Amino acid sequence: MRVTRLFAAMALGLVSTFSLADDPDQAIRKTLDGLELGLPIESIGESPMSGIYQVQLKGGRMLYTSADGQYLMQGYLYHVKDGKPVNLTEQSESRSIAKEINAIPESEMVVFAPKEPAKAHITVFTDTDCGYCQKLHSEVPELNRRGIEVRYVAFPRQGIGSHGYNSLVSVWCSKDRQAAMNKAKSREELPAATCNNPVAKQFELGQMIGVNGTPAIVLGNGQMIPGYQPAPQLAKIALEAK
């Protein structure tokens, strides 16, 4: 369930009903379980800020809480070092997102690789019906020329059963996924095809890590870039993030 729904539940039902527990982990879990949001907790531990605990959710999102679980926050925690702010929350979320993305087998992606060994890679949550996805795809040869491998995963914006979903399934079920992706991104209608495919699973993963539009580009270090970026600019960012 999306983390943003947490605030509505807090406004309706988060009251000081839990007594201070000796174990902050148990107290925090009791609070979150009581909200019945189904938040997938990966870990709970002390944050770098004294007295504040951090709740790492599966997929990368981070919450902050008091030791007794009665106060919750969602936002960025910065560390000011040598006069410069370092976004600790973003760093942690990016590491978790990279972990999730790197766990996707290459066999479940549609990969466009350079002829020479890749210098860096990007993972793109894509929808064949998305105009900016089509524009980005037209620049894949330029990205490859600059040494960037492009790895596509599916994100049908209109949901399961939509035209975009069916189109993505047809791409993934094609004998030549690259050729099928080229046709779909050129607005050609693909012959309907079905098979055991990862489209729904990848759509769910995208939602879990915070994708809410396409193209959503994940760099090698897990940093997410929402929206289209021109090939020269995107290649530069990807090389810096490898």
Protein backbone atom coordinates (compact mmCIF):
# COMPACT_ATOMS: atom_id res chain seq x y z
CA MET A 1 0.00 0.00 0.00
CA ARG A 2 1.29 3.45 -0.83
CA VAL A 3 3.01 5.21 2.06
CA THR A 4 1.18 8.47 1.32
CA ARG A 5 -2.02 6.85 2.61
CA LEU A 6 -0.41 6.79 6.03
CA PHE A 7 -1.30 10.40 6.74
CA ALA A 8 -5.03 9.93 6.24
CA ALA A 9 -5.02 7.04 8.67
CA MET A 10 -3.00 9.05 11.17
CA ALA A 11 -5.45 11.92 11.00
CA LEU A 12 -8.35 9.59 11.70
CA GLY A 13 -6.99 7.17 14.19
CA LEU A 14 -3.50 7.75 15.54
CA VAL A 15 -3.98 8.55 19.20
CA SER A 16 -1.86 7.92 22.26
CA THR A 17 -3.26 4.51 23.06
CA PHE A 18 0.01 2.65 23.36
CA SER A 19 1.96 2.68 26.56
CA LEU A 20 5.70 3.17 26.54
CA ALA A 21 7.33 -0.18 25.96
CA ASP A 22 10.78 -1.31 26.96
CA ASP A 23 11.41 -2.49 23.41
CA PRO A 24 11.03 0.32 20.83
CA ASP A 25 10.84 -2.23 18.00
CA GLN A 26 7.73 -3.82 19.51
CA ALA A 27 6.11 -0.47 20.34
CA ILE A 28 6.67 0.87 16.83
CA ARG A 29 5.41 -2.30 15.19
CA LYS A 30 2.33 -2.25 17.44
CA THR A 31 1.50 1.28 16.32
CA LEU A 32 1.93 0.55 12.62
CA ASP A 33 0.04 -2.75 12.86
CA GLY A 34 -2.80 -0.91 14.64
CA LEU A 35 -3.18 1.46 11.68
CA GLU A 36 -3.93 -1.60 9.49
CA LEU A 37 -2.17 -0.15 6.45
CA GLY A 38 -0.26 -3.32 5.62
CA LEU A 39 3.05 -1.47 5.58
CA PRO A 40 5.83 -3.94 4.64
CA ILE A 41 8.43 -3.28 7.33
CA GLU A 42 11.94 -4.37 6.42
CA SER A 43 13.76 -3.11 9.49
CA ILE A 44 13.52 -0.78 12.50
CA GLY A 45 16.53 0.86 14.11
CA GLU A 46 17.90 4.00 15.67
CA SER A 47 18.35 6.90 13.27
CA PRO A 48 21.44 9.13 13.27
CA MET A 49 19.34 11.69 15.19
CA SER A 50 19.26 10.94 18.91
CA GLY A 51 15.88 9.75 20.19
CA ILE A 52 14.42 9.13 16.72
CA TYR A 53 13.96 5.70 15.16
CA GLN A 54 13.82 4.93 11.46
CA VAL A 55 11.47 2.41 9.86
CA GLN A 56 12.74 1.03 6.58
CA LEU A 57 9.86 -0.16 4.41
CA LYS A 58 10.35 -2.75 1.71
CA GLY A 59 10.96 -0.97 -1.57
CA GLY A 60 12.94 1.89 -0.05
CA ARG A 61 10.51 4.23 1.70
CA MET A 62 11.49 5.51 5.14
CA LEU A 63 9.44 6.62 8.14
CA TYR A 64 10.68 8.18 11.37
CA THR A 65 9.14 7.58 14.77
CA SER A 66 9.54 8.13 18.48
CA ALA A 67 10.71 5.19 20.60
CA ASP A 68 7.20 4.61 21.94
CA GLY A 69 5.65 4.62 18.45
CA GLN A 70 3.23 7.43 19.29
CA TYR A 71 4.74 9.97 16.91
CA LEU A 72 5.37 9.32 13.21
CA MET A 73 6.98 11.46 10.55
CA GLN A 74 7.60 11.10 6.83
CA GLY A 75 10.18 13.35 5.24
CA TYR A 76 13.88 13.93 4.70
CA LEU A 77 16.56 13.71 7.38
CA TYR A 78 19.63 15.78 6.57
CA HIS A 79 23.10 15.70 8.06
CA VAL A 80 24.87 19.05 7.85
CA LYS A 81 28.54 18.26 7.32
CA ASP A 82 31.16 20.92 6.66
CA GLY A 83 28.38 23.40 6.05
CA LYS A 84 26.69 21.25 3.39
CA PRO A 85 23.43 19.27 3.82
CA VAL A 86 23.56 15.55 3.05
CA ASN A 87 20.18 13.88 2.48
CA LEU A 88 20.45 10.70 4.57
CA THR A 89 16.89 9.62 3.79
CA GLU A 90 17.43 9.79 0.04
CA GLN A 91 20.68 7.85 0.35
CA SER A 92 19.00 5.07 2.32
CA GLU A 93 16.01 4.91 -0.01
CA SER A 94 18.26 4.75 -3.06
CA ARG A 95 20.22 1.83 -1.60
CA SER A 96 17.00 -0.09 -0.98
CA ILE A 97 15.65 0.68 -4.45
CA ALA A 98 18.93 -0.46 -6.02
CA LYS A 99 18.64 -3.72 -4.07
CA GLU A 100 15.13 -4.33 -5.41
CA ILE A 101 16.05 -3.44 -8.99
CA ASN A 102 19.24 -5.49 -9.01
CA ALA A 103 17.23 -8.52 -7.90
CA ILE A 104 15.27 -8.51 -11.18
CA PRO A 105 16.68 -11.20 -13.49
CA GLU A 106 17.86 -9.84 -16.82
CA SER A 107 15.72 -12.54 -18.46
CA GLU A 108 12.65 -10.66 -17.17
CA MET A 109 13.67 -7.37 -18.79
CA VAL A 110 13.88 -6.03 -22.32
CA VAL A 111 17.51 -4.99 -22.64
CA PHE A 112 19.14 -2.73 -25.23
CA ALA A 113 22.90 -3.03 -24.77
CA PRO A 114 25.77 -1.17 -26.45
CA LYS A 115 27.98 -3.07 -28.90
CA GLU A 116 30.95 -2.41 -26.64
CA PRO A 117 30.89 -3.30 -22.91
CA ALA A 118 28.50 -0.95 -21.12
CA LYS A 119 29.95 1.86 -19.00
CA ALA A 120 26.75 2.19 -16.95
CA HIS A 121 23.12 1.10 -17.03
CA ILE A 122 19.68 2.53 -16.38
CA THR A 123 16.47 0.68 -15.58
CA VAL A 124 13.36 2.28 -17.07
CA PHE A 125 9.80 1.62 -15.91
CA THR A 126 7.94 2.04 -19.19
CA ASP A 127 4.50 2.05 -20.77
CA THR A 128 4.25 1.55 -24.53
CA ASP A 129 1.33 4.02 -24.70
CA CYS A 130 3.32 6.81 -23.01
CA GLY A 131 4.41 9.63 -25.34
CA TYR A 132 7.55 10.52 -23.39
CA CYS A 133 8.44 6.81 -23.17
CA GLN A 134 8.28 6.72 -26.95
CA LYS A 135 10.47 9.82 -27.16
CA LEU A 136 13.02 8.31 -24.77
CA HIS A 137 13.02 5.06 -26.74
CA SER A 138 13.87 6.93 -29.93
CA GLU A 139 17.08 8.02 -28.17
CA VAL A 140 18.11 4.54 -26.98
CA PRO A 141 20.61 4.18 -29.89
CA GLU A 142 22.28 7.42 -28.75
CA LEU A 143 22.37 6.20 -25.15
CA ASN A 144 23.93 2.95 -26.34
CA ARG A 145 26.47 4.91 -28.37
CA ARG A 146 27.45 6.73 -25.18
CA GLY A 147 27.94 3.42 -23.37
CA ILE A 148 24.65 3.24 -21.50
CA GLU A 149 22.72 -0.04 -21.32
CA VAL A 150 18.95 0.46 -21.19
CA ARG A 151 16.96 -2.10 -19.23
CA TYR A 152 13.18 -1.92 -19.56
CA VAL A 153 10.70 -3.12 -16.96
CA ALA A 154 6.94 -2.83 -17.31
CA PHE A 155 4.69 -0.22 -15.73
CA PRO A 156 1.23 -0.04 -17.35
CA ARG A 157 -0.01 3.31 -16.02
CA GLN A 158 -3.69 2.50 -16.48
CA GLY A 159 -3.39 -0.73 -14.53
CA ILE A 160 -3.90 -4.43 -15.11
CA GLY A 161 -6.11 -5.19 -18.10
CA SER A 162 -5.58 -1.82 -19.80
CA HIS A 163 -4.44 -1.44 -23.40
CA GLY A 164 -0.97 -0.56 -22.17
CA TYR A 165 -0.89 -3.67 -20.00
CA ASN A 166 -1.94 -5.93 -22.90
CA SER A 167 0.63 -4.28 -25.16
CA LEU A 168 3.40 -4.83 -22.62
CA VAL A 169 2.37 -8.47 -22.19
CA SER A 170 2.59 -8.90 -25.97
CA VAL A 171 6.10 -7.40 -25.93
CA TRP A 172 7.28 -9.68 -23.14
CA CYS A 173 5.70 -12.72 -24.80
CA SER A 174 7.24 -12.04 -28.21
CA LYS A 175 10.03 -14.21 -29.55
CA ASP A 176 12.04 -11.04 -30.23
CA ARG A 177 11.31 -8.64 -27.36
CA GLN A 178 13.54 -5.90 -28.73
CA ALA A 179 11.80 -5.88 -32.10
CA ALA A 180 8.40 -5.97 -30.41
CA MET A 181 9.35 -3.05 -28.14
CA ASN A 182 10.53 -1.06 -31.17
CA LYS A 183 7.20 -1.62 -32.90
CA ALA A 184 5.11 -0.84 -29.81
CA LYS A 185 7.07 2.37 -29.16
CA SER A 186 6.45 3.33 -32.81
CA ARG A 187 2.70 3.02 -32.09
CA GLU A 188 2.31 -0.15 -34.09
CA GLU A 189 -0.33 -2.53 -32.77
CA LEU A 190 1.26 -5.83 -31.81
CA PRO A 191 -0.36 -9.23 -32.36
CA ALA A 192 -1.88 -10.31 -29.05
CA ALA A 193 0.30 -12.80 -27.23
CA THR A 194 0.12 -14.44 -23.84
CA CYS A 195 2.62 -16.35 -21.74
CA ASN A 196 3.95 -16.56 -18.21
CA ASN A 197 5.21 -12.98 -17.88
CA PRO A 198 6.44 -10.52 -15.20
CA VAL A 199 4.37 -7.48 -16.24
CA ALA A 200 1.99 -7.48 -13.25
CA LYS A 201 4.86 -8.22 -10.83
CA GLN A 202 6.94 -5.35 -12.20
CA PHE A 203 3.94 -3.01 -12.04
CA GLU A 204 3.53 -3.90 -8.36
CA LEU A 205 7.25 -3.35 -7.74
CA GLY A 206 7.07 0.07 -9.36
CA GLN A 207 4.20 1.08 -7.11
CA MET A 208 6.05 -0.18 -4.06
CA ILE A 209 9.18 1.89 -4.74
CA GLY A 210 7.20 5.03 -5.56
CA VAL A 211 6.82 5.08 -9.34
CA ASN A 212 3.75 7.15 -10.21
CA GLY A 213 4.37 7.96 -13.87
CA THR A 214 6.42 6.94 -16.87
CA PRO A 215 9.14 6.92 -17.87
CA ALA A 216 10.62 6.44 -14.40
CA ILE A 217 14.37 6.00 -14.67
CA VAL A 218 16.40 4.26 -11.98
CA LEU A 219 20.14 4.85 -12.07
CA GLY A 220 22.72 2.25 -11.12
CA ASN A 221 22.94 3.62 -7.56
CA GLY A 222 19.17 3.41 -7.06
CA GLN A 223 18.46 7.11 -7.54
CA MET A 224 15.14 7.60 -9.31
CA ILE A 225 14.62 10.22 -12.01
CA PRO A 226 10.95 10.84 -12.80
CA GLY A 227 10.24 11.72 -16.40
CA TYR A 228 12.04 12.06 -19.71
CA GLN A 229 15.61 13.32 -19.91
CA PRO A 230 17.46 14.03 -23.22
CA ALA A 231 20.05 11.36 -24.06
CA PRO A 232 23.20 13.51 -23.53
CA GLN A 233 22.00 14.70 -20.13
CA LEU A 234 20.76 11.25 -19.07
CA ALA A 235 24.00 9.56 -20.14
CA LYS A 236 26.03 12.04 -18.11
CA ILE A 237 23.90 11.42 -15.01
CA ALA A 238 24.05 7.66 -15.47
CA LEU A 239 27.84 7.67 -15.77
CA GLU A 240 28.18 9.76 -12.63
CA ALA A 241 25.91 7.39 -10.70
CA LYS A 242 27.41 4.04 -11.69
